PDB file of all heavy atoms in Angstrom:
ATOM      1  N   GLY A   1    -135.627 104.427 -75.371  1.00  0.00           N
ATOM      2  CA  GLY A   1    -134.549 103.701 -76.120  1.00  0.00           C
ATOM      3  C   GLY A   1    -133.355 104.665 -76.397  1.00  0.00           C
ATOM      4  O   GLY A   1    -133.057 105.488 -75.535  1.00  0.00           O
ATOM      5  N   GLU A   2    -132.734 104.457 -77.514  1.00  0.00           N
ATOM      6  CA  GLU A   2    -131.643 105.290 -77.792  1.00  0.00           C
ATOM      7  C   GLU A   2    -132.022 106.780 -77.974  1.00  0.00           C
ATOM      8  O   GLU A   2    -132.952 107.082 -78.745  1.00  0.00           O
ATOM      9  CB  GLU A   2    -130.889 104.823 -79.055  1.00  0.00           C
ATOM     10  CG  GLU A   2    -130.196 103.468 -78.923  1.00  0.00           C
ATOM     11  CD  GLU A   2    -129.364 103.186 -80.119  1.00  0.00           C
ATOM     12  OE1 GLU A   2    -129.957 102.710 -81.198  1.00  0.00           O
ATOM     13  OE2 GLU A   2    -128.114 103.364 -80.097  1.00  0.00           O
ATOM     14  N   VAL A   3    -131.277 107.677 -77.335  1.00  0.00           N
ATOM     15  CA  VAL A   3    -131.586 109.122 -77.315  1.00  0.00           C
ATOM     16  C   VAL A   3    -130.174 109.788 -77.626  1.00  0.00           C
ATOM     17  O   VAL A   3    -129.195 109.401 -77.042  1.00  0.00           O
ATOM     18  CB  VAL A   3    -132.129 109.642 -76.053  1.00  0.00           C
ATOM     19  CG1 VAL A   3    -132.594 111.173 -76.231  1.00  0.00           C
ATOM     20  CG2 VAL A   3    -133.305 108.798 -75.607  1.00  0.00           C
ATOM     21  N   ASP A   4    -130.219 110.825 -78.466  1.00  0.00           N
ATOM     22  CA  ASP A   4    -129.001 111.552 -78.831  1.00  0.00           C
ATOM     23  C   ASP A   4    -128.642 112.479 -77.637  1.00  0.00           C
ATOM     24  O   ASP A   4    -129.086 113.660 -77.668  1.00  0.00           O
ATOM     25  CB  ASP A   4    -129.265 112.324 -80.073  1.00  0.00           C
ATOM     26  CG  ASP A   4    -127.968 113.095 -80.541  1.00  0.00           C
ATOM     27  OD1 ASP A   4    -126.927 112.795 -79.938  1.00  0.00           O
ATOM     28  OD2 ASP A   4    -128.095 113.985 -81.490  1.00  0.00           O
ATOM     29  N   THR A   5    -127.947 111.996 -76.671  1.00  0.00           N
ATOM     30  CA  THR A   5    -127.518 112.822 -75.534  1.00  0.00           C
ATOM     31  C   THR A   5    -126.000 112.510 -75.269  1.00  0.00           C
ATOM     32  O   THR A   5    -125.423 111.586 -75.828  1.00  0.00           O
ATOM     33  CB  THR A   5    -128.294 112.401 -74.210  1.00  0.00           C
ATOM     34  OG1 THR A   5    -127.850 111.050 -73.861  1.00  0.00           O
ATOM     35  CG2 THR A   5    -129.757 112.395 -74.552  1.00  0.00           C
ATOM     36  N   PRO A   6    -125.396 113.220 -74.345  1.00  0.00           N
ATOM     37  CA  PRO A   6    -123.974 113.069 -74.047  1.00  0.00           C
ATOM     38  C   PRO A   6    -123.580 111.655 -73.507  1.00  0.00           C
ATOM     39  O   PRO A   6    -122.463 111.257 -73.546  1.00  0.00           O
ATOM     40  CB  PRO A   6    -123.640 114.131 -73.040  1.00  0.00           C
ATOM     41  CG  PRO A   6    -124.636 115.251 -73.345  1.00  0.00           C
ATOM     42  CD  PRO A   6    -125.852 114.545 -73.759  1.00  0.00           C
ATOM     43  N   ILE A   7    -124.633 110.874 -73.065  1.00  0.00           N
ATOM     44  CA  ILE A   7    -124.333 109.591 -72.566  1.00  0.00           C
ATOM     45  C   ILE A   7    -123.782 108.639 -73.589  1.00  0.00           C
ATOM     46  O   ILE A   7    -123.157 107.688 -73.440  1.00  0.00           O
ATOM     47  CB  ILE A   7    -125.544 108.948 -71.850  1.00  0.00           C
ATOM     48  CG1 ILE A   7    -125.060 107.822 -70.850  1.00  0.00           C
ATOM     49  CG2 ILE A   7    -126.596 108.461 -72.799  1.00  0.00           C
ATOM     50  CD1 ILE A   7    -126.144 107.410 -69.857  1.00  0.00           C
ATOM     51  N   LEU A   8    -124.111 109.049 -74.946  1.00  0.00           N
ATOM     52  CA  LEU A   8    -123.583 108.218 -76.031  1.00  0.00           C
ATOM     53  C   LEU A   8    -122.089 108.322 -76.139  1.00  0.00           C
ATOM     54  O   LEU A   8    -121.458 107.452 -76.703  1.00  0.00           O
ATOM     55  CB  LEU A   8    -124.281 108.708 -77.300  1.00  0.00           C
ATOM     56  CG  LEU A   8    -125.750 108.479 -77.532  1.00  0.00           C
ATOM     57  CD1 LEU A   8    -126.135 108.917 -78.915  1.00  0.00           C
ATOM     58  CD2 LEU A   8    -126.120 106.979 -77.267  1.00  0.00           C
ATOM     59  N   ASP A   9    -121.546 109.378 -75.587  1.00  0.00           N
ATOM     60  CA  ASP A   9    -120.076 109.519 -75.603  1.00  0.00           C
ATOM     61  C   ASP A   9    -119.388 108.474 -74.821  1.00  0.00           C
ATOM     62  O   ASP A   9    -118.139 108.270 -74.936  1.00  0.00           O
ATOM     63  CB  ASP A   9    -119.779 110.908 -75.169  1.00  0.00           C
ATOM     64  CG  ASP A   9    -120.186 112.016 -76.046  1.00  0.00           C
ATOM     65  OD1 ASP A   9    -120.434 111.700 -77.247  1.00  0.00           O
ATOM     66  OD2 ASP A   9    -120.410 113.157 -75.538  1.00  0.00           O
ATOM     67  N   ALA A  10    -120.145 107.771 -73.957  1.00  0.00           N
ATOM     68  CA  ALA A  10    -119.568 106.713 -73.119  1.00  0.00           C
ATOM     69  C   ALA A  10    -119.581 105.347 -73.763  1.00  0.00           C
ATOM     70  O   ALA A  10    -119.281 104.352 -73.211  1.00  0.00           O
ATOM     71  CB  ALA A  10    -120.157 106.684 -71.718  1.00  0.00           C
ATOM     72  N   ARG A  11    -120.137 105.270 -74.992  1.00  0.00           N
ATOM     73  CA  ARG A  11    -120.214 104.053 -75.802  1.00  0.00           C
ATOM     74  C   ARG A  11    -118.806 103.553 -76.144  1.00  0.00           C
ATOM     75  O   ARG A  11    -117.857 104.370 -76.480  1.00  0.00           O
ATOM     76  CB  ARG A  11    -121.038 104.226 -77.088  1.00  0.00           C
ATOM     77  CG  ARG A  11    -122.515 104.431 -76.887  1.00  0.00           C
ATOM     78  CD  ARG A  11    -123.206 103.161 -77.078  1.00  0.00           C
ATOM     79  NE  ARG A  11    -124.683 103.322 -76.792  1.00  0.00           N
ATOM     80  CZ  ARG A  11    -125.543 103.447 -77.801  1.00  0.00           C
ATOM     81  NH1 ARG A  11    -125.196 103.454 -79.051  1.00  0.00           N
ATOM     82  NH2 ARG A  11    -126.838 103.533 -77.507  1.00  0.00           N
ATOM     83  N   PRO A  12    -118.549 102.200 -76.099  1.00  0.00           N
ATOM     84  CA  PRO A  12    -117.217 101.694 -76.446  1.00  0.00           C
ATOM     85  C   PRO A  12    -116.875 101.987 -77.931  1.00  0.00           C
ATOM     86  O   PRO A  12    -115.719 102.018 -78.252  1.00  0.00           O
ATOM     87  CB  PRO A  12    -117.349 100.223 -76.107  1.00  0.00           C
ATOM     88  CG  PRO A  12    -118.805  99.911 -76.001  1.00  0.00           C
ATOM     89  CD  PRO A  12    -119.459 101.129 -75.578  1.00  0.00           C
ATOM     90  N   VAL A  13    -117.895 102.058 -78.764  1.00  0.00           N
ATOM     91  CA  VAL A  13    -117.740 102.331 -80.182  1.00  0.00           C
ATOM     92  C   VAL A  13    -118.338 103.697 -80.529  1.00  0.00           C
ATOM     93  O   VAL A  13    -119.481 103.922 -80.139  1.00  0.00           O
ATOM     94  CB  VAL A  13    -118.283 101.253 -81.103  1.00  0.00           C
ATOM     95  CG1 VAL A  13    -118.147 101.596 -82.515  1.00  0.00           C
ATOM     96  CG2 VAL A  13    -117.652  99.906 -80.787  1.00  0.00           C
ATOM     97  N   LYS A  14    -117.588 104.550 -81.187  1.00  0.00           N
ATOM     98  CA  LYS A  14    -118.161 105.898 -81.500  1.00  0.00           C
ATOM     99  C   LYS A  14    -119.390 105.795 -82.278  1.00  0.00           C
ATOM    100  O   LYS A  14    -119.528 105.025 -83.087  1.00  0.00           O
ATOM    101  CB  LYS A  14    -117.104 106.694 -82.209  1.00  0.00           C
ATOM    102  CG  LYS A  14    -117.494 108.067 -82.597  1.00  0.00           C
ATOM    103  CD  LYS A  14    -116.369 108.877 -83.350  1.00  0.00           C
ATOM    104  CE  LYS A  14    -116.799 110.260 -83.823  1.00  0.00           C
ATOM    105  NZ  LYS A  14    -117.343 111.107 -82.733  1.00  0.00           N
ATOM    106  N   VAL A  15    -120.364 106.678 -81.911  1.00  0.00           N
ATOM    107  CA  VAL A  15    -121.719 106.742 -82.465  1.00  0.00           C
ATOM    108  C   VAL A  15    -121.644 107.747 -83.612  1.00  0.00           C
ATOM    109  O   VAL A  15    -121.164 108.883 -83.423  1.00  0.00           O
ATOM    110  CB  VAL A  15    -122.834 107.122 -81.535  1.00  0.00           C
ATOM    111  CG1 VAL A  15    -124.134 107.122 -82.320  1.00  0.00           C
ATOM    112  CG2 VAL A  15    -122.819 106.022 -80.382  1.00  0.00           C
ATOM    113  N   SER A  16    -121.986 107.406 -84.828  1.00  0.00           N
ATOM    114  CA  SER A  16    -121.864 108.249 -86.033  1.00  0.00           C
ATOM    115  C   SER A  16    -123.000 109.365 -85.969  1.00  0.00           C
ATOM    116  O   SER A  16    -124.043 109.166 -85.319  1.00  0.00           O
ATOM    117  CB  SER A  16    -122.067 107.492 -87.221  1.00  0.00           C
ATOM    118  OG  SER A  16    -123.371 107.011 -87.497  1.00  0.00           O
ATOM    119  N   ASP A  17    -122.722 110.410 -86.678  1.00  0.00           N
ATOM    120  CA  ASP A  17    -123.694 111.484 -86.767  1.00  0.00           C
ATOM    121  C   ASP A  17    -124.991 110.957 -87.450  1.00  0.00           C
ATOM    122  O   ASP A  17    -126.060 111.426 -87.128  1.00  0.00           O
ATOM    123  CB  ASP A  17    -123.127 112.668 -87.600  1.00  0.00           C
ATOM    124  CG  ASP A  17    -121.962 113.345 -86.881  1.00  0.00           C
ATOM    125  OD1 ASP A  17    -121.912 113.237 -85.629  1.00  0.00           O
ATOM    126  OD2 ASP A  17    -121.223 114.079 -87.543  1.00  0.00           O
ATOM    127  N   GLU A  18    -124.842 110.097 -88.406  1.00  0.00           N
ATOM    128  CA  GLU A  18    -125.997 109.528 -89.047  1.00  0.00           C
ATOM    129  C   GLU A  18    -126.923 108.750 -88.068  1.00  0.00           C
ATOM    130  O   GLU A  18    -128.160 108.826 -88.164  1.00  0.00           O
ATOM    131  CB  GLU A  18    -125.537 108.583 -90.234  1.00  0.00           C
ATOM    132  CG  GLU A  18    -124.890 109.322 -91.430  1.00  0.00           C
ATOM    133  CD  GLU A  18    -123.484 109.639 -91.116  1.00  0.00           C
ATOM    134  OE1 GLU A  18    -122.920 109.206 -90.097  1.00  0.00           O
ATOM    135  OE2 GLU A  18    -122.923 110.437 -91.914  1.00  0.00           O
ATOM    136  N   HIS A  19    -126.261 108.034 -87.211  1.00  0.00           N
ATOM    137  CA  HIS A  19    -126.976 107.255 -86.289  1.00  0.00           C
ATOM    138  C   HIS A  19    -127.721 108.164 -85.236  1.00  0.00           C
ATOM    139  O   HIS A  19    -128.862 107.920 -84.846  1.00  0.00           O
ATOM    140  CB  HIS A  19    -126.068 106.269 -85.552  1.00  0.00           C
ATOM    141  CG  HIS A  19    -126.744 105.341 -84.562  1.00  0.00           C
ATOM    142  ND1 HIS A  19    -127.358 104.139 -84.942  1.00  0.00           N
ATOM    143  CD2 HIS A  19    -126.960 105.447 -83.228  1.00  0.00           C
ATOM    144  CE1 HIS A  19    -127.923 103.580 -83.864  1.00  0.00           C
ATOM    145  NE2 HIS A  19    -127.724 104.344 -82.876  1.00  0.00           N
ATOM    146  N   ARG A  20    -126.984 109.171 -84.810  1.00  0.00           N
ATOM    147  CA  ARG A  20    -127.566 110.193 -83.826  1.00  0.00           C
ATOM    148  C   ARG A  20    -128.831 110.797 -84.478  1.00  0.00           C
ATOM    149  O   ARG A  20    -129.771 111.053 -83.729  1.00  0.00           O
ATOM    150  CB  ARG A  20    -126.507 111.194 -83.504  1.00  0.00           C
ATOM    151  CG  ARG A  20    -125.450 110.747 -82.590  1.00  0.00           C
ATOM    152  CD  ARG A  20    -124.471 111.828 -82.274  1.00  0.00           C
ATOM    153  NE  ARG A  20    -123.372 111.412 -81.347  1.00  0.00           N
ATOM    154  CZ  ARG A  20    -123.347 111.664 -80.067  1.00  0.00           C
ATOM    155  NH1 ARG A  20    -124.499 112.196 -79.490  1.00  0.00           N
ATOM    156  NH2 ARG A  20    -122.441 111.197 -79.245  1.00  0.00           N
ATOM    157  N   ALA A  21    -128.812 111.048 -85.706  1.00  0.00           N
ATOM    158  CA  ALA A  21    -129.939 111.697 -86.425  1.00  0.00           C
ATOM    159  C   ALA A  21    -131.073 110.784 -86.522  1.00  0.00           C
ATOM    160  O   ALA A  21    -132.286 111.263 -86.545  1.00  0.00           O
ATOM    161  CB  ALA A  21    -129.454 112.191 -87.818  1.00  0.00           C
ATOM    162  N   ARG A  22    -130.922 109.407 -86.516  1.00  0.00           N
ATOM    163  CA  ARG A  22    -131.998 108.524 -86.619  1.00  0.00           C
ATOM    164  C   ARG A  22    -132.783 108.249 -85.342  1.00  0.00           C
ATOM    165  O   ARG A  22    -133.933 107.764 -85.322  1.00  0.00           O
ATOM    166  CB  ARG A  22    -131.527 107.147 -87.207  1.00  0.00           C
ATOM    167  CG  ARG A  22    -131.161 107.217 -88.691  1.00  0.00           C
ATOM    168  CD  ARG A  22    -131.012 105.787 -89.166  1.00  0.00           C
ATOM    169  NE  ARG A  22    -130.039 104.944 -88.474  1.00  0.00           N
ATOM    170  CZ  ARG A  22    -128.763 104.912 -88.857  1.00  0.00           C
ATOM    171  NH1 ARG A  22    -128.351 105.626 -89.923  1.00  0.00           N
ATOM    172  NH2 ARG A  22    -127.861 104.211 -88.162  1.00  0.00           N
ATOM    173  N   ILE A  23    -131.989 108.422 -84.222  1.00  0.00           N
ATOM    174  CA  ILE A  23    -132.675 107.994 -82.920  1.00  0.00           C
ATOM    175  C   ILE A  23    -133.374 109.203 -82.279  1.00  0.00           C
ATOM    176  O   ILE A  23    -133.538 110.274 -82.825  1.00  0.00           O
ATOM    177  CB  ILE A  23    -131.542 107.505 -81.943  1.00  0.00           C
ATOM    178  CG1 ILE A  23    -130.481 108.619 -81.707  1.00  0.00           C
ATOM    179  CG2 ILE A  23    -130.808 106.261 -82.602  1.00  0.00           C
ATOM    180  CD1 ILE A  23    -129.398 108.208 -80.791  1.00  0.00           C
ATOM    181  N   LEU A  24    -133.960 108.955 -81.155  1.00  0.00           N
ATOM    182  CA  LEU A  24    -134.708 109.947 -80.435  1.00  0.00           C
ATOM    183  C   LEU A  24    -133.810 111.159 -80.112  1.00  0.00           C
ATOM    184  O   LEU A  24    -132.643 111.032 -79.813  1.00  0.00           O
ATOM    185  CB  LEU A  24    -135.325 109.312 -79.140  1.00  0.00           C
ATOM    186  CG  LEU A  24    -136.286 108.236 -79.218  1.00  0.00           C
ATOM    187  CD1 LEU A  24    -136.673 107.741 -77.797  1.00  0.00           C
ATOM    188  CD2 LEU A  24    -137.568 108.637 -79.915  1.00  0.00           C
ATOM    189  N   GLN A  25    -134.484 112.288 -79.985  1.00  0.00           N
ATOM    190  CA  GLN A  25    -133.910 113.477 -79.506  1.00  0.00           C
ATOM    191  C   GLN A  25    -134.435 113.863 -78.186  1.00  0.00           C
ATOM    192  O   GLN A  25    -135.555 113.392 -77.841  1.00  0.00           O
ATOM    193  CB  GLN A  25    -134.197 114.687 -80.517  1.00  0.00           C
ATOM    194  CG  GLN A  25    -133.613 114.482 -81.915  1.00  0.00           C
ATOM    195  CD  GLN A  25    -132.130 114.147 -81.949  1.00  0.00           C
ATOM    196  OE1 GLN A  25    -131.342 114.955 -81.478  1.00  0.00           O
ATOM    197  NE2 GLN A  25    -131.775 113.043 -82.569  1.00  0.00           N
ATOM    198  N   PRO A  26    -133.710 114.552 -77.343  1.00  0.00           N
ATOM    199  CA  PRO A  26    -134.272 114.884 -75.968  1.00  0.00           C
ATOM    200  C   PRO A  26    -135.656 115.450 -75.934  1.00  0.00           C
ATOM    201  O   PRO A  26    -136.445 115.123 -75.030  1.00  0.00           O
ATOM    202  CB  PRO A  26    -133.191 115.883 -75.491  1.00  0.00           C
ATOM    203  CG  PRO A  26    -131.894 115.496 -76.139  1.00  0.00           C
ATOM    204  CD  PRO A  26    -132.384 115.066 -77.511  1.00  0.00           C
ATOM    205  N   GLU A  27    -135.934 116.293 -76.959  1.00  0.00           N
ATOM    206  CA  GLU A  27    -137.281 116.888 -76.993  1.00  0.00           C
ATOM    207  C   GLU A  27    -138.361 115.921 -77.169  1.00  0.00           C
ATOM    208  O   GLU A  27    -139.600 116.101 -76.793  1.00  0.00           O
ATOM    209  CB  GLU A  27    -137.356 117.972 -78.052  1.00  0.00           C
ATOM    210  CG  GLU A  27    -136.988 117.661 -79.402  1.00  0.00           C
ATOM    211  CD  GLU A  27    -135.598 117.817 -79.734  1.00  0.00           C
ATOM    212  OE1 GLU A  27    -134.719 117.772 -78.918  1.00  0.00           O
ATOM    213  OE2 GLU A  27    -135.326 118.097 -81.024  1.00  0.00           O
ATOM    214  N   ASP A  28    -138.114 114.735 -77.813  1.00  0.00           N
ATOM    215  CA  ASP A  28    -139.093 113.681 -77.933  1.00  0.00           C
ATOM    216  C   ASP A  28    -139.487 113.057 -76.574  1.00  0.00           C
ATOM    217  O   ASP A  28    -140.636 112.815 -76.374  1.00  0.00           O
ATOM    218  CB  ASP A  28    -138.546 112.613 -78.891  1.00  0.00           C
ATOM    219  CG  ASP A  28    -138.094 113.079 -80.268  1.00  0.00           C
ATOM    220  OD1 ASP A  28    -138.750 114.078 -80.748  1.00  0.00           O
ATOM    221  OD2 ASP A  28    -137.201 112.520 -80.871  1.00  0.00           O
ATOM    222  N   VAL A  29    -138.452 112.804 -75.827  1.00  0.00           N
ATOM    223  CA  VAL A  29    -138.676 112.209 -74.486  1.00  0.00           C
ATOM    224  C   VAL A  29    -139.438 113.267 -73.606  1.00  0.00           C
ATOM    225  O   VAL A  29    -140.347 113.054 -72.796  1.00  0.00           O
ATOM    226  CB  VAL A  29    -137.453 111.719 -73.777  1.00  0.00           C
ATOM    227  CG1 VAL A  29    -137.771 111.052 -72.487  1.00  0.00           C
ATOM    228  CG2 VAL A  29    -136.786 110.720 -74.733  1.00  0.00           C
ATOM    229  N   ALA A  30    -138.994 114.531 -73.828  1.00  0.00           N
ATOM    230  CA  ALA A  30    -139.574 115.625 -72.987  1.00  0.00           C
ATOM    231  C   ALA A  30    -141.072 115.837 -73.281  1.00  0.00           C
ATOM    232  O   ALA A  30    -141.864 116.038 -72.364  1.00  0.00           O
ATOM    233  CB  ALA A  30    -138.838 116.939 -73.298  1.00  0.00           C
ATOM    234  N   ALA A  31    -141.459 115.626 -74.550  1.00  0.00           N
ATOM    235  CA  ALA A  31    -142.872 115.738 -74.913  1.00  0.00           C
ATOM    236  C   ALA A  31    -143.665 114.584 -74.219  1.00  0.00           C
ATOM    237  O   ALA A  31    -144.825 114.843 -73.821  1.00  0.00           O
ATOM    238  CB  ALA A  31    -143.021 115.618 -76.432  1.00  0.00           C
ATOM    239  N   ALA A  32    -143.094 113.415 -74.133  1.00  0.00           N
ATOM    240  CA  ALA A  32    -143.809 112.282 -73.509  1.00  0.00           C
ATOM    241  C   ALA A  32    -143.991 112.613 -71.998  1.00  0.00           C
ATOM    242  O   ALA A  32    -145.126 112.316 -71.374  1.00  0.00           O
ATOM    243  CB  ALA A  32    -143.102 111.051 -73.743  1.00  0.00           C
ATOM    244  N   VAL A  33    -142.947 113.022 -71.381  1.00  0.00           N
ATOM    245  CA  VAL A  33    -142.971 113.343 -69.923  1.00  0.00           C
ATOM    246  C   VAL A  33    -143.894 114.489 -69.691  1.00  0.00           C
ATOM    247  O   VAL A  33    -144.671 114.499 -68.644  1.00  0.00           O
ATOM    248  CB  VAL A  33    -141.580 113.676 -69.420  1.00  0.00           C
ATOM    249  CG1 VAL A  33    -141.650 114.211 -68.011  1.00  0.00           C
ATOM    250  CG2 VAL A  33    -140.621 112.520 -69.509  1.00  0.00           C
ATOM    251  N   LEU A  34    -143.952 115.521 -70.563  1.00  0.00           N
ATOM    252  CA  LEU A  34    -144.882 116.596 -70.418  1.00  0.00           C
ATOM    253  C   LEU A  34    -146.395 116.126 -70.465  1.00  0.00           C
ATOM    254  O   LEU A  34    -147.205 116.589 -69.677  1.00  0.00           O
ATOM    255  CB  LEU A  34    -144.664 117.679 -71.512  1.00  0.00           C
ATOM    256  CG  LEU A  34    -145.522 118.857 -71.499  1.00  0.00           C
ATOM    257  CD1 LEU A  34    -145.444 119.709 -70.172  1.00  0.00           C
ATOM    258  CD2 LEU A  34    -145.237 119.785 -72.664  1.00  0.00           C
ATOM    259  N   MET A  35    -146.617 115.199 -71.367  1.00  0.00           N
ATOM    260  CA  MET A  35    -147.958 114.727 -71.399  1.00  0.00           C
ATOM    261  C   MET A  35    -148.344 113.991 -70.132  1.00  0.00           C
ATOM    262  O   MET A  35    -149.503 114.256 -69.602  1.00  0.00           O
ATOM    263  CB  MET A  35    -148.050 113.641 -72.575  1.00  0.00           C
ATOM    264  CG  MET A  35    -149.357 112.871 -72.813  1.00  0.00           C
ATOM    265  SD  MET A  35    -149.604 111.415 -71.692  1.00  0.00           S
ATOM    266  CE  MET A  35    -148.330 110.323 -72.338  1.00  0.00           C
TER     267      MET A  35
END
């Protein structure tokens, strides 16, 4: 789902810092792929 990565910069509406903090971080997806 939503992950705090540079692809968010291509959103038509700017993503707030608060929203970025609530969503997945790259290391969360990395942990799943590592499993």
